[in-house]
Amino acid sequence: LLVITVISMVGIEMTSFIAILGAVGLAVGMALSGTLQNFAGGVIILLFKPFKVGDYVAAKGYEGIIKEIQIFNTIMTTVDNKTIIIPNGGLSTGSMVNFSKEPQRRVDLTFGIGYSDDIDKARQIILDVAAKHGKVLPDPAPFVKVSELADSSVNFATRLWVNAEDYWDVFFFMNENVKKEFDKQGVSIPFPQSDVHIYNK
């Protein structure tokens, strides 16, 4: 009653005051809603531990190493050293890939050779390169099979199991050294080509 009396004395219309009060209440409610959602998300993350500090994850369109888990936000560092702060509300409810959760990962690669090249020879080259690395696991055994007869190449699906921390080392090693061995042993790597025909009228 006192508030209403004061409002009337200063000349503010009651309808305007109610509208302002409603807008303020809505804004505060929305702010609290986001804050509470992030708080609840932080509790869920700390309780169920879908990831931990040091894990390499992809979430909310970002990918990097988890540096800190706070009650409202999670801090991530990308491979090019950018710091990303992600609210825990969305992080706890959205999809996420944790590349560090399992101790082993599979390296999936595709190598293409020409149709005139020897399939068995190319397969053996890929297997030999994998064996040279030393960090490719023998079990499950390396998988190298023809997966596609493409427009200009015969493609091999190559699947190698490694310890999670060795993934990128093996990935880059295989791409570089298979190319070198193909060149050395005369196995061609086709690339898309276009034929241009000119007709004289």
N, C-alpha and C. Protein backbone atom coordinates (compact mmCIF):
# COMPACT_ATOMS: atom_id res chain seq x y z
N LEU A 1 0.84 -1.21 0.00
CA LEU A 1 0.00 0.00 0.00
C LEU A 1 0.86 1.25 0.00
N LEU A 2 1.93 1.22 0.80
CA LEU A 2 2.83 2.37 0.86
C LEU A 2 3.48 2.63 -0.49
N VAL A 3 3.89 1.57 -1.15
CA VAL A 3 4.52 1.70 -2.47
C VAL A 3 3.56 2.32 -3.46
N ILE A 4 2.32 1.86 -3.43
CA ILE A 4 1.30 2.39 -4.35
C ILE A 4 1.08 3.87 -4.09
N THR A 5 1.05 4.25 -2.80
CA THR A 5 0.85 5.66 -2.44
C THR A 5 1.99 6.53 -2.95
N VAL A 6 3.21 6.05 -2.77
CA VAL A 6 4.39 6.81 -3.22
C VAL A 6 4.38 6.95 -4.73
N ILE A 7 4.02 5.89 -5.43
CA ILE A 7 3.97 5.94 -6.89
C ILE A 7 2.96 6.97 -7.36
N SER A 8 1.82 7.01 -6.68
CA SER A 8 0.78 7.98 -7.05
C SER A 8 1.26 9.40 -6.80
N MET A 9 2.03 9.60 -5.72
CA MET A 9 2.51 10.94 -5.36
C MET A 9 3.51 11.46 -6.39
N VAL A 10 4.36 10.60 -6.92
CA VAL A 10 5.37 11.07 -7.88
C VAL A 10 4.82 11.11 -9.30
N GLY A 11 3.59 10.72 -9.49
CA GLY A 11 2.94 10.87 -10.80
C GLY A 11 3.17 9.75 -11.78
N ILE A 12 3.55 8.58 -11.30
CA ILE A 12 3.73 7.44 -12.20
C ILE A 12 2.43 6.67 -12.29
N GLU A 13 2.00 6.41 -13.50
CA GLU A 13 0.77 5.65 -13.69
C GLU A 13 0.98 4.20 -13.26
N MET A 14 -0.05 3.65 -12.62
CA MET A 14 0.05 2.30 -12.10
C MET A 14 0.29 1.27 -13.20
N THR A 15 -0.36 1.46 -14.35
CA THR A 15 -0.19 0.50 -15.46
C THR A 15 1.25 0.50 -15.96
N SER A 16 1.85 1.68 -16.03
CA SER A 16 3.25 1.78 -16.47
C SER A 16 4.18 1.10 -15.47
N PHE A 17 3.88 1.32 -14.20
CA PHE A 17 4.72 0.72 -13.16
C PHE A 17 4.65 -0.81 -13.20
N ILE A 18 3.44 -1.32 -13.39
CA ILE A 18 3.26 -2.78 -13.46
C ILE A 18 4.01 -3.35 -14.66
N ALA A 19 3.97 -2.63 -15.80
CA ALA A 19 4.67 -3.09 -17.00
C ALA A 19 6.18 -3.12 -16.76
N ILE A 20 6.69 -2.05 -16.12
CA ILE A 20 8.13 -1.99 -15.82
C ILE A 20 8.53 -3.10 -14.86
N LEU A 21 7.70 -3.28 -13.83
CA LEU A 21 7.98 -4.31 -12.84
C LEU A 21 7.98 -5.70 -13.48
N GLY A 22 7.04 -5.91 -14.39
CA GLY A 22 6.97 -7.20 -15.08
C GLY A 22 8.19 -7.44 -15.94
N ALA A 23 8.65 -6.39 -16.65
CA ALA A 23 9.83 -6.52 -17.50
C ALA A 23 11.08 -6.82 -16.68
N VAL A 24 11.20 -6.11 -15.55
CA VAL A 24 12.35 -6.34 -14.67
C VAL A 24 12.32 -7.77 -14.12
N GLY A 25 11.14 -8.19 -13.70
CA GLY A 25 11.01 -9.55 -13.17
C GLY A 25 11.36 -10.60 -14.20
N LEU A 26 10.93 -10.36 -15.46
CA LEU A 26 11.23 -11.30 -16.53
C LEU A 26 12.73 -11.37 -16.80
N ALA A 27 13.38 -10.19 -16.82
CA ALA A 27 14.82 -10.14 -17.07
C ALA A 27 15.60 -10.86 -15.97
N VAL A 28 15.20 -10.60 -14.72
CA VAL A 28 15.88 -11.25 -13.59
C VAL A 28 15.66 -12.76 -13.64
N GLY A 29 14.42 -13.15 -13.97
CA GLY A 29 14.11 -14.57 -14.05
C GLY A 29 14.92 -15.28 -15.11
N MET A 30 15.06 -14.63 -16.28
CA MET A 30 15.84 -15.23 -17.36
C MET A 30 17.31 -15.33 -16.98
N ALA A 31 17.82 -14.27 -16.32
CA ALA A 31 19.22 -14.29 -15.90
C ALA A 31 19.47 -15.41 -14.89
N LEU A 32 18.56 -15.52 -13.93
CA LEU A 32 18.71 -16.56 -12.93
C LEU A 32 18.57 -17.95 -13.54
N SER A 33 17.68 -18.05 -14.54
CA SER A 33 17.48 -19.33 -15.20
C SER A 33 18.77 -19.82 -15.85
N GLY A 34 19.46 -18.92 -16.58
CA GLY A 34 20.72 -19.29 -17.22
C GLY A 34 21.79 -19.63 -16.20
N THR A 35 21.86 -18.84 -15.13
CA THR A 35 22.85 -19.07 -14.09
C THR A 35 22.61 -20.40 -13.39
N LEU A 36 21.34 -20.65 -13.05
CA LEU A 36 21.01 -21.91 -12.39
C LEU A 36 21.26 -23.11 -13.29
N GLN A 37 20.98 -22.93 -14.59
CA GLN A 37 21.23 -24.02 -15.54
C GLN A 37 22.72 -24.34 -15.61
N ASN A 38 23.55 -23.30 -15.64
CA ASN A 38 25.00 -23.51 -15.69
C ASN A 38 25.51 -24.13 -14.39
N PHE A 39 24.92 -23.69 -13.26
CA PHE A 39 25.30 -24.26 -11.96
C PHE A 39 24.95 -25.75 -11.91
N ALA A 40 23.72 -26.06 -12.33
CA ALA A 40 23.29 -27.46 -12.34
C ALA A 40 24.15 -28.29 -13.28
N GLY A 41 24.51 -27.71 -14.44
CA GLY A 41 25.38 -28.40 -15.39
C GLY A 41 26.74 -28.69 -14.80
N GLY A 42 27.27 -27.71 -14.05
CA GLY A 42 28.56 -27.91 -13.41
C GLY A 42 28.53 -29.03 -12.38
N VAL A 43 27.44 -29.08 -11.61
CA VAL A 43 27.28 -30.14 -10.61
C VAL A 43 27.23 -31.51 -11.30
N ILE A 44 26.47 -31.58 -12.40
CA ILE A 44 26.34 -32.85 -13.14
C ILE A 44 27.70 -33.30 -13.68
N ILE A 45 28.45 -32.35 -14.25
CA ILE A 45 29.77 -32.68 -14.82
C ILE A 45 30.73 -33.16 -13.73
N LEU A 46 30.73 -32.46 -12.59
CA LEU A 46 31.63 -32.84 -11.50
C LEU A 46 31.21 -34.16 -10.86
N LEU A 47 29.91 -34.45 -10.90
CA LEU A 47 29.41 -35.67 -10.27
C LEU A 47 29.62 -36.90 -11.15
N PHE A 48 29.26 -36.77 -12.43
CA PHE A 48 29.30 -37.94 -13.32
C PHE A 48 30.59 -38.04 -14.13
N LYS A 49 31.37 -36.96 -14.19
CA LYS A 49 32.70 -36.96 -14.82
C LYS A 49 32.70 -37.50 -16.26
N PRO A 50 31.94 -36.89 -17.18
CA PRO A 50 32.02 -37.31 -18.58
C PRO A 50 33.38 -36.98 -19.20
N PHE A 51 34.10 -36.07 -18.57
CA PHE A 51 35.47 -35.73 -18.99
C PHE A 51 36.20 -35.19 -17.77
N LYS A 52 37.52 -35.10 -17.89
CA LYS A 52 38.34 -34.58 -16.79
C LYS A 52 39.39 -33.64 -17.36
N VAL A 53 40.06 -32.92 -16.49
CA VAL A 53 41.13 -32.02 -16.92
C VAL A 53 42.20 -32.83 -17.65
N GLY A 54 42.59 -32.35 -18.83
CA GLY A 54 43.59 -33.05 -19.63
C GLY A 54 43.01 -33.85 -20.77
N ASP A 55 41.69 -34.10 -20.74
CA ASP A 55 41.05 -34.85 -21.82
C ASP A 55 40.93 -33.99 -23.08
N TYR A 56 41.01 -34.65 -24.23
CA TYR A 56 40.82 -33.97 -25.52
C TYR A 56 39.40 -34.24 -25.98
N VAL A 57 38.58 -33.18 -26.07
CA VAL A 57 37.16 -33.36 -26.38
C VAL A 57 36.72 -32.43 -27.50
N ALA A 58 35.59 -32.78 -28.10
CA ALA A 58 34.92 -31.93 -29.09
C ALA A 58 33.50 -31.70 -28.59
N ALA A 59 33.12 -30.42 -28.43
CA ALA A 59 31.78 -30.10 -27.92
C ALA A 59 31.42 -28.67 -28.29
N LYS A 60 30.13 -28.46 -28.57
CA LYS A 60 29.59 -27.12 -28.86
C LYS A 60 30.33 -26.44 -30.01
N GLY A 61 30.81 -27.21 -30.96
CA GLY A 61 31.50 -26.64 -32.11
C GLY A 61 32.98 -26.37 -31.88
N TYR A 62 33.50 -26.75 -30.72
CA TYR A 62 34.91 -26.52 -30.41
C TYR A 62 35.61 -27.86 -30.15
N GLU A 63 36.93 -27.83 -30.24
CA GLU A 63 37.73 -29.04 -30.03
C GLU A 63 39.03 -28.66 -29.37
N GLY A 64 39.37 -29.33 -28.28
CA GLY A 64 40.61 -28.99 -27.59
C GLY A 64 40.78 -29.76 -26.30
N ILE A 65 41.74 -29.31 -25.48
CA ILE A 65 42.08 -29.97 -24.22
C ILE A 65 41.40 -29.24 -23.06
N ILE A 66 40.76 -29.99 -22.17
CA ILE A 66 40.11 -29.41 -21.00
C ILE A 66 41.18 -28.94 -20.02
N LYS A 67 41.15 -27.65 -19.69
CA LYS A 67 42.14 -27.08 -18.79
C LYS A 67 41.61 -26.89 -17.38
N GLU A 68 40.31 -26.57 -17.27
CA GLU A 68 39.73 -26.32 -15.95
C GLU A 68 38.23 -26.54 -15.99
N ILE A 69 37.69 -27.17 -14.94
CA ILE A 69 36.25 -27.37 -14.81
C ILE A 69 35.78 -26.56 -13.61
N GLN A 70 35.05 -25.47 -13.87
CA GLN A 70 34.51 -24.61 -12.82
C GLN A 70 33.04 -24.96 -12.60
N ILE A 71 32.42 -24.36 -11.60
CA ILE A 71 31.04 -24.69 -11.29
C ILE A 71 30.07 -24.14 -12.34
N PHE A 72 30.42 -23.01 -12.99
CA PHE A 72 29.54 -22.43 -14.00
C PHE A 72 30.05 -22.64 -15.43
N ASN A 73 31.35 -22.73 -15.61
CA ASN A 73 31.95 -22.84 -16.95
C ASN A 73 33.04 -23.89 -16.98
N THR A 74 33.35 -24.35 -18.19
CA THR A 74 34.50 -25.22 -18.42
C THR A 74 35.44 -24.52 -19.39
N ILE A 75 36.72 -24.54 -19.09
CA ILE A 75 37.72 -23.85 -19.91
C ILE A 75 38.50 -24.86 -20.74
N MET A 76 38.55 -24.58 -22.03
CA MET A 76 39.21 -25.46 -23.00
C MET A 76 40.28 -24.68 -23.74
N THR A 77 41.38 -25.36 -24.10
CA THR A 77 42.42 -24.76 -24.93
C THR A 77 42.47 -25.52 -26.25
N THR A 78 42.34 -24.80 -27.37
CA THR A 78 42.37 -25.43 -28.68
C THR A 78 43.81 -25.75 -29.08
N VAL A 79 43.96 -26.52 -30.16
CA VAL A 79 45.30 -26.92 -30.60
C VAL A 79 46.13 -25.73 -31.06
N ASP A 80 45.46 -24.63 -31.47
CA ASP A 80 46.21 -23.43 -31.86
C ASP A 80 46.26 -22.43 -30.71
N ASN A 81 46.08 -22.93 -29.47
CA ASN A 81 46.29 -22.18 -28.23
C ASN A 81 45.29 -21.04 -28.00
N LYS A 82 44.05 -21.26 -28.40
CA LYS A 82 42.97 -20.33 -28.05
C LYS A 82 42.26 -20.85 -26.81
N THR A 83 41.88 -19.93 -25.93
CA THR A 83 41.14 -20.31 -24.72
C THR A 83 39.64 -20.16 -24.98
N ILE A 84 38.90 -21.23 -24.79
CA ILE A 84 37.45 -21.24 -25.00
C ILE A 84 36.77 -21.46 -23.66
N ILE A 85 35.81 -20.58 -23.32
CA ILE A 85 35.03 -20.72 -22.10
C ILE A 85 33.62 -21.16 -22.48
N ILE A 86 33.23 -22.36 -22.06
CA ILE A 86 31.93 -22.93 -22.44
C ILE A 86 31.04 -23.04 -21.21
N PRO A 87 29.84 -22.44 -21.23
CA PRO A 87 28.91 -22.57 -20.10
C PRO A 87 28.54 -24.04 -19.86
N ASN A 88 28.49 -24.42 -18.61
CA ASN A 88 28.25 -25.83 -18.28
C ASN A 88 26.84 -26.29 -18.57
N GLY A 89 25.88 -25.35 -18.64
CA GLY A 89 24.50 -25.74 -18.90
C GLY A 89 24.37 -26.47 -20.23
N GLY A 90 24.87 -25.85 -21.28
CA GLY A 90 24.81 -26.47 -22.60
C GLY A 90 25.74 -27.65 -22.74
N LEU A 91 26.88 -27.57 -22.04
CA LEU A 91 27.88 -28.64 -22.14
C LEU A 91 27.38 -29.94 -21.52
N SER A 92 26.57 -29.81 -20.48
CA SER A 92 26.08 -31.01 -19.78
C SER A 92 24.90 -31.66 -20.48
N THR A 93 24.24 -30.92 -21.37
CA THR A 93 23.05 -31.47 -22.04
C THR A 93 23.27 -31.76 -23.53
N GLY A 94 24.31 -31.17 -24.13
CA GLY A 94 24.56 -31.36 -25.55
C GLY A 94 25.45 -32.57 -25.82
N SER A 95 25.62 -32.85 -27.11
CA SER A 95 26.47 -33.97 -27.52
C SER A 95 27.94 -33.60 -27.38
N MET A 96 28.76 -34.59 -27.07
CA MET A 96 30.19 -34.35 -26.87
C MET A 96 30.96 -35.61 -27.24
N VAL A 97 32.14 -35.42 -27.81
CA VAL A 97 33.03 -36.54 -28.10
C VAL A 97 34.26 -36.41 -27.21
N ASN A 98 34.52 -37.43 -26.42
CA ASN A 98 35.71 -37.45 -25.57
C ASN A 98 36.72 -38.41 -26.19
N PHE A 99 37.73 -37.84 -26.84
CA PHE A 99 38.73 -38.67 -27.53
C PHE A 99 39.68 -39.37 -26.56
N SER A 100 39.69 -38.93 -25.30
CA SER A 100 40.62 -39.49 -24.32
C SER A 100 39.97 -40.51 -23.39
N LYS A 101 38.68 -40.74 -23.56
CA LYS A 101 37.96 -41.61 -22.62
C LYS A 101 38.47 -43.04 -22.68
N GLU A 102 38.71 -43.54 -23.88
CA GLU A 102 39.19 -44.91 -24.05
C GLU A 102 40.71 -44.91 -24.22
N PRO A 103 41.39 -45.94 -23.73
CA PRO A 103 42.85 -45.97 -23.82
C PRO A 103 43.38 -46.17 -25.23
N GLN A 104 42.54 -46.72 -26.13
CA GLN A 104 42.98 -46.98 -27.50
C GLN A 104 42.04 -46.32 -28.50
N ARG A 105 42.61 -45.93 -29.64
CA ARG A 105 41.83 -45.35 -30.73
C ARG A 105 42.21 -46.02 -32.05
N ARG A 106 41.30 -45.92 -33.01
CA ARG A 106 41.56 -46.47 -34.34
C ARG A 106 41.88 -45.35 -35.31
N VAL A 107 42.98 -45.49 -36.02
CA VAL A 107 43.36 -44.54 -37.06
C VAL A 107 42.77 -45.03 -38.38
N ASP A 108 41.87 -44.25 -38.96
CA ASP A 108 41.24 -44.60 -40.23
C ASP A 108 41.86 -43.78 -41.36
N LEU A 109 42.39 -44.46 -42.36
CA LEU A 109 43.04 -43.80 -43.49
C LEU A 109 42.54 -44.41 -44.80
N THR A 110 42.65 -43.64 -45.87
CA THR A 110 42.32 -44.14 -47.20
C THR A 110 43.47 -43.83 -48.15
N PHE A 111 43.96 -44.85 -48.85
CA PHE A 111 45.03 -44.67 -49.83
C PHE A 111 44.52 -45.17 -51.19
N GLY A 112 44.75 -44.36 -52.22
CA GLY A 112 44.32 -44.72 -53.56
C GLY A 112 45.49 -45.05 -54.47
N ILE A 113 45.31 -46.06 -55.33
CA ILE A 113 46.33 -46.40 -56.33
C ILE A 113 45.67 -46.45 -57.70
N GLY A 114 46.48 -46.47 -58.75
CA GLY A 114 45.95 -46.52 -60.10
C GLY A 114 45.40 -47.90 -60.44
N TYR A 115 44.52 -47.93 -61.42
CA TYR A 115 43.91 -49.20 -61.83
C TYR A 115 44.93 -50.17 -62.43
N SER A 116 46.03 -49.64 -62.93
CA SER A 116 47.06 -50.51 -63.53
C SER A 116 48.08 -51.00 -62.50
N ASP A 117 47.99 -50.52 -61.26
CA ASP A 117 48.95 -50.92 -60.23
C ASP A 117 48.56 -52.26 -59.59
N ASP A 118 49.55 -52.90 -58.98
CA ASP A 118 49.36 -54.20 -58.34
C ASP A 118 48.73 -54.01 -56.95
N ILE A 119 47.55 -54.57 -56.77
CA ILE A 119 46.83 -54.42 -55.51
C ILE A 119 47.59 -55.06 -54.34
N ASP A 120 48.07 -56.27 -54.54
CA ASP A 120 48.77 -56.98 -53.46
C ASP A 120 50.05 -56.26 -53.05
N LYS A 121 50.74 -55.72 -54.03
CA LYS A 121 51.98 -54.98 -53.75
C LYS A 121 51.68 -53.73 -52.93
N ALA A 122 50.66 -53.00 -53.33
CA ALA A 122 50.30 -51.77 -52.61
C ALA A 122 49.86 -52.08 -51.18
N ARG A 123 49.07 -53.14 -51.03
CA ARG A 123 48.62 -53.53 -49.68
C ARG A 123 49.81 -53.85 -48.78
N GLN A 124 50.79 -54.57 -49.32
CA GLN A 124 51.95 -54.96 -48.53
C GLN A 124 52.79 -53.74 -48.14
N ILE A 125 52.87 -52.78 -49.04
CA ILE A 125 53.61 -51.55 -48.73
C ILE A 125 52.97 -50.85 -47.53
N ILE A 126 51.65 -50.74 -47.55
CA ILE A 126 50.94 -50.07 -46.44
C ILE A 126 51.18 -50.82 -45.13
N LEU A 127 51.10 -52.15 -45.17
CA LEU A 127 51.32 -52.95 -43.96
C LEU A 127 52.76 -52.82 -43.46
N ASP A 128 53.71 -52.78 -44.39
CA ASP A 128 55.12 -52.65 -44.00
C ASP A 128 55.39 -51.30 -43.35
N VAL A 129 54.80 -50.25 -43.90
CA VAL A 129 54.98 -48.91 -43.32
C VAL A 129 54.39 -48.88 -41.91
N ALA A 130 53.23 -49.48 -41.73
CA ALA A 130 52.61 -49.53 -40.40
C ALA A 130 53.50 -50.28 -39.41
N ALA A 131 54.11 -51.36 -39.87
CA ALA A 131 54.97 -52.16 -38.99
C ALA A 131 56.23 -51.40 -38.59
N LYS A 132 56.70 -50.50 -39.46
CA LYS A 132 57.92 -49.75 -39.17
C LYS A 132 57.73 -48.73 -38.05
N HIS A 133 56.50 -48.27 -37.85
CA HIS A 133 56.30 -47.20 -36.88
C HIS A 133 56.60 -47.66 -35.46
N GLY A 134 56.16 -48.82 -35.09
CA GLY A 134 56.45 -49.34 -33.76
C GLY A 134 55.37 -49.09 -32.74
N LYS A 135 54.46 -48.15 -33.03
CA LYS A 135 53.39 -47.85 -32.07
C LYS A 135 52.02 -48.32 -32.56
N VAL A 136 52.00 -48.96 -33.72
CA VAL A 136 50.76 -49.57 -34.20
C VAL A 136 50.59 -50.90 -33.47
N LEU A 137 49.46 -51.09 -32.83
CA LEU A 137 49.23 -52.28 -32.01
C LEU A 137 49.01 -53.52 -32.88
N PRO A 138 49.56 -54.66 -32.47
CA PRO A 138 49.36 -55.89 -33.25
C PRO A 138 47.98 -56.51 -33.07
N ASP A 139 47.28 -56.12 -32.00
CA ASP A 139 45.95 -56.68 -31.73
C ASP A 139 45.01 -55.56 -31.27
N PRO A 140 43.95 -55.30 -32.03
CA PRO A 140 43.53 -55.93 -33.28
C PRO A 140 44.55 -55.69 -34.41
N ALA A 141 44.66 -56.66 -35.28
CA ALA A 141 45.65 -56.59 -36.36
C ALA A 141 45.32 -55.48 -37.34
N PRO A 142 46.34 -54.87 -37.96
CA PRO A 142 46.10 -53.84 -38.98
C PRO A 142 45.20 -54.37 -40.09
N PHE A 143 44.28 -53.53 -40.53
CA PHE A 143 43.30 -53.90 -41.55
C PHE A 143 43.57 -53.07 -42.80
N VAL A 144 43.85 -53.72 -43.92
CA VAL A 144 44.06 -53.03 -45.20
C VAL A 144 43.32 -53.81 -46.28
N LYS A 145 42.21 -53.25 -46.75
CA LYS A 145 41.38 -53.93 -47.75
C LYS A 145 40.91 -52.92 -48.80
N VAL A 146 40.68 -53.42 -50.02
CA VAL A 146 40.10 -52.57 -51.06
C VAL A 146 38.67 -52.21 -50.65
N SER A 147 38.40 -50.92 -50.57
CA SER A 147 37.09 -50.46 -50.10
C SER A 147 36.25 -49.82 -51.19
N GLU A 148 36.90 -49.40 -52.28
CA GLU A 148 36.14 -48.69 -53.32
C GLU A 148 36.87 -48.73 -54.65
N LEU A 149 36.11 -48.94 -55.71
CA LEU A 149 36.63 -48.77 -57.06
C LEU A 149 36.11 -47.42 -57.54
N ALA A 150 36.91 -46.39 -57.29
CA ALA A 150 36.48 -45.02 -57.56
C ALA A 150 36.68 -44.67 -59.04
N ASP A 151 36.33 -43.43 -59.41
CA ASP A 151 36.41 -43.01 -60.80
C ASP A 151 37.83 -43.13 -61.37
N SER A 152 38.82 -42.76 -60.56
CA SER A 152 40.19 -42.76 -61.08
C SER A 152 41.17 -43.53 -60.20
N SER A 153 40.67 -44.23 -59.17
CA SER A 153 41.59 -44.93 -58.27
C SER A 153 40.93 -46.14 -57.63
N VAL A 154 41.79 -47.06 -57.21
CA VAL A 154 41.37 -48.19 -56.37
C VAL A 154 41.74 -47.81 -54.94
N ASN A 155 40.76 -47.70 -54.06
CA ASN A 155 41.00 -47.17 -52.72
C ASN A 155 41.10 -48.28 -51.68
N PHE A 156 42.09 -48.13 -50.81
CA PHE A 156 42.27 -49.05 -49.69
C PHE A 156 41.78 -48.39 -48.40
N ALA A 157 40.90 -49.07 -47.67
CA ALA A 157 40.56 -48.66 -46.32
C ALA A 157 41.61 -49.23 -45.38
N THR A 158 42.25 -48.36 -44.62
CA THR A 158 43.31 -48.78 -43.71
C THR A 158 42.90 -48.42 -42.28
N ARG A 159 42.89 -49.41 -41.41
CA ARG A 159 42.47 -49.21 -40.03
C ARG A 159 43.54 -49.76 -39.10
N LEU A 160 44.08 -48.88 -38.28
CA LEU A 160 45.17 -49.24 -37.38
C LEU A 160 44.80 -48.86 -35.96
N TRP A 161 45.01 -49.76 -35.01
CA TRP A 161 44.73 -49.47 -33.61
C TRP A 161 46.01 -49.01 -32.91
N VAL A 162 45.86 -47.94 -32.13
CA VAL A 162 47.00 -47.36 -31.42
C VAL A 162 46.56 -46.92 -30.03
N ASN A 163 47.51 -46.69 -29.15
CA ASN A 163 47.19 -46.03 -27.89
C ASN A 163 46.77 -44.60 -28.18
N ALA A 164 45.83 -44.09 -27.40
CA ALA A 164 45.22 -42.79 -27.69
C ALA A 164 46.25 -41.68 -27.86
N GLU A 165 47.29 -41.70 -27.05
CA GLU A 165 48.29 -40.62 -27.12
C GLU A 165 49.15 -40.70 -28.38
N ASP A 166 49.11 -41.83 -29.09
CA ASP A 166 49.92 -42.00 -30.30
C ASP A 166 49.14 -41.74 -31.59
N TYR A 167 47.88 -41.35 -31.46
CA TYR A 167 47.00 -41.25 -32.63
C TYR A 167 47.58 -40.35 -33.72
N TRP A 168 47.86 -39.10 -33.39
CA TRP A 168 48.30 -38.14 -34.42
C TRP A 168 49.68 -38.48 -34.96
N ASP A 169 50.54 -39.00 -34.11
CA ASP A 169 51.87 -39.40 -34.57
C ASP A 169 51.77 -40.46 -35.66
N VAL A 170 50.94 -41.47 -35.43
CA VAL A 170 50.74 -42.54 -36.42
C VAL A 170 50.03 -42.01 -37.66
N PHE A 171 49.03 -41.17 -37.46
CA PHE A 171 48.26 -40.61 -38.58
C PHE A 171 49.17 -39.88 -39.57
N PHE A 172 49.99 -38.97 -39.08
CA PHE A 172 50.87 -38.20 -39.97
C PHE A 172 51.99 -39.07 -40.54
N PHE A 173 52.52 -39.98 -39.73
CA PHE A 173 53.58 -40.87 -40.20
C PHE A 173 53.10 -41.71 -41.37
N MET A 174 51.92 -42.28 -41.26
CA MET A 174 51.40 -43.15 -42.32
C MET A 174 51.20 -42.38 -43.62
N ASN A 175 50.58 -41.22 -43.56
CA ASN A 175 50.33 -40.45 -44.77
C ASN A 175 51.63 -40.10 -45.49
N GLU A 176 52.62 -39.66 -44.74
CA GLU A 176 53.88 -39.24 -45.36
C GLU A 176 54.67 -40.43 -45.90
N ASN A 177 54.78 -41.48 -45.12
CA ASN A 177 55.66 -42.59 -45.50
C ASN A 177 55.05 -43.55 -46.51
N VAL A 178 53.74 -43.68 -46.53
CA VAL A 178 53.12 -44.47 -47.60
C VAL A 178 53.34 -43.78 -48.94
N LYS A 179 53.21 -42.46 -48.96
CA LYS A 179 53.47 -41.70 -50.20
C LYS A 179 54.92 -41.92 -50.66
N LYS A 180 55.86 -41.85 -49.74
CA LYS A 180 57.27 -42.04 -50.09
C LYS A 180 57.52 -43.45 -50.64
N GLU A 181 56.95 -44.46 -50.00
CA GLU A 181 57.16 -45.84 -50.44
C GLU A 181 56.47 -46.12 -51.77
N PHE A 182 55.29 -45.55 -51.96
CA PHE A 182 54.62 -45.70 -53.27
C PHE A 182 55.50 -45.12 -54.37
N ASP A 183 56.07 -43.94 -54.13
CA ASP A 183 56.94 -43.31 -55.13
C ASP A 183 58.18 -44.17 -55.39
N LYS A 184 58.77 -44.67 -54.32
CA LYS A 184 60.00 -45.45 -54.43
C LYS A 184 59.78 -46.76 -55.19
N GLN A 185 58.61 -47.37 -54.99
CA GLN A 185 58.36 -48.68 -55.59
C GLN A 185 57.45 -48.62 -56.82
N GLY A 186 57.25 -47.41 -57.34
CA GLY A 186 56.56 -47.27 -58.61
C GLY A 186 55.05 -47.47 -58.57
N VAL A 187 54.44 -47.24 -57.41
CA VAL A 187 52.98 -47.32 -57.30
C VAL A 187 52.42 -45.91 -57.46
N SER A 188 51.52 -45.74 -58.40
CA SER A 188 50.99 -44.40 -58.68
C SER A 188 49.86 -44.04 -57.73
N ILE A 189 49.75 -42.74 -57.47
CA ILE A 189 48.63 -42.20 -56.69
C ILE A 189 47.84 -41.29 -57.62
N PRO A 190 46.72 -41.74 -58.13
CA PRO A 190 45.96 -40.96 -59.11
C PRO A 190 45.36 -39.70 -58.48
N PHE A 191 45.06 -38.75 -59.34
CA PHE A 191 44.33 -37.55 -58.92
C PHE A 191 43.27 -37.28 -59.97
N PRO A 192 42.19 -36.61 -59.59
CA PRO A 192 41.10 -36.36 -60.55
C PRO A 192 41.59 -35.62 -61.78
N GLN A 193 41.16 -36.07 -62.94
CA GLN A 193 41.55 -35.44 -64.20
C GLN A 193 40.31 -35.21 -65.05
N SER A 194 40.38 -34.19 -65.86
CA SER A 194 39.28 -33.88 -66.78
C SER A 194 39.79 -33.94 -68.21
N ASP A 195 39.04 -34.57 -69.07
CA ASP A 195 39.37 -34.62 -70.49
C ASP A 195 38.61 -33.51 -71.22
N VAL A 196 39.35 -32.72 -71.99
CA VAL A 196 38.74 -31.63 -72.76
C VAL A 196 38.76 -32.01 -74.23
N HIS A 197 37.62 -32.05 -74.86
CA HIS A 197 37.51 -32.40 -76.28
C HIS A 197 37.12 -31.15 -77.07
N ILE A 198 37.90 -30.86 -78.11
CA ILE A 198 37.62 -29.69 -78.96
C ILE A 198 37.19 -30.18 -80.33
N TYR A 199 36.04 -29.77 -80.75
CA TYR A 199 35.50 -30.18 -82.04
C TYR A 199 35.52 -28.98 -83.00
N ASN A 200 36.08 -29.19 -84.18
CA ASN A 200 36.08 -28.14 -85.20
C ASN A 200 34.84 -28.28 -86.08
N LYS A 201 34.13 -27.22 -86.23
CA LYS A 201 32.94 -27.22 -87.09
C LYS A 201 33.28 -26.68 -88.48
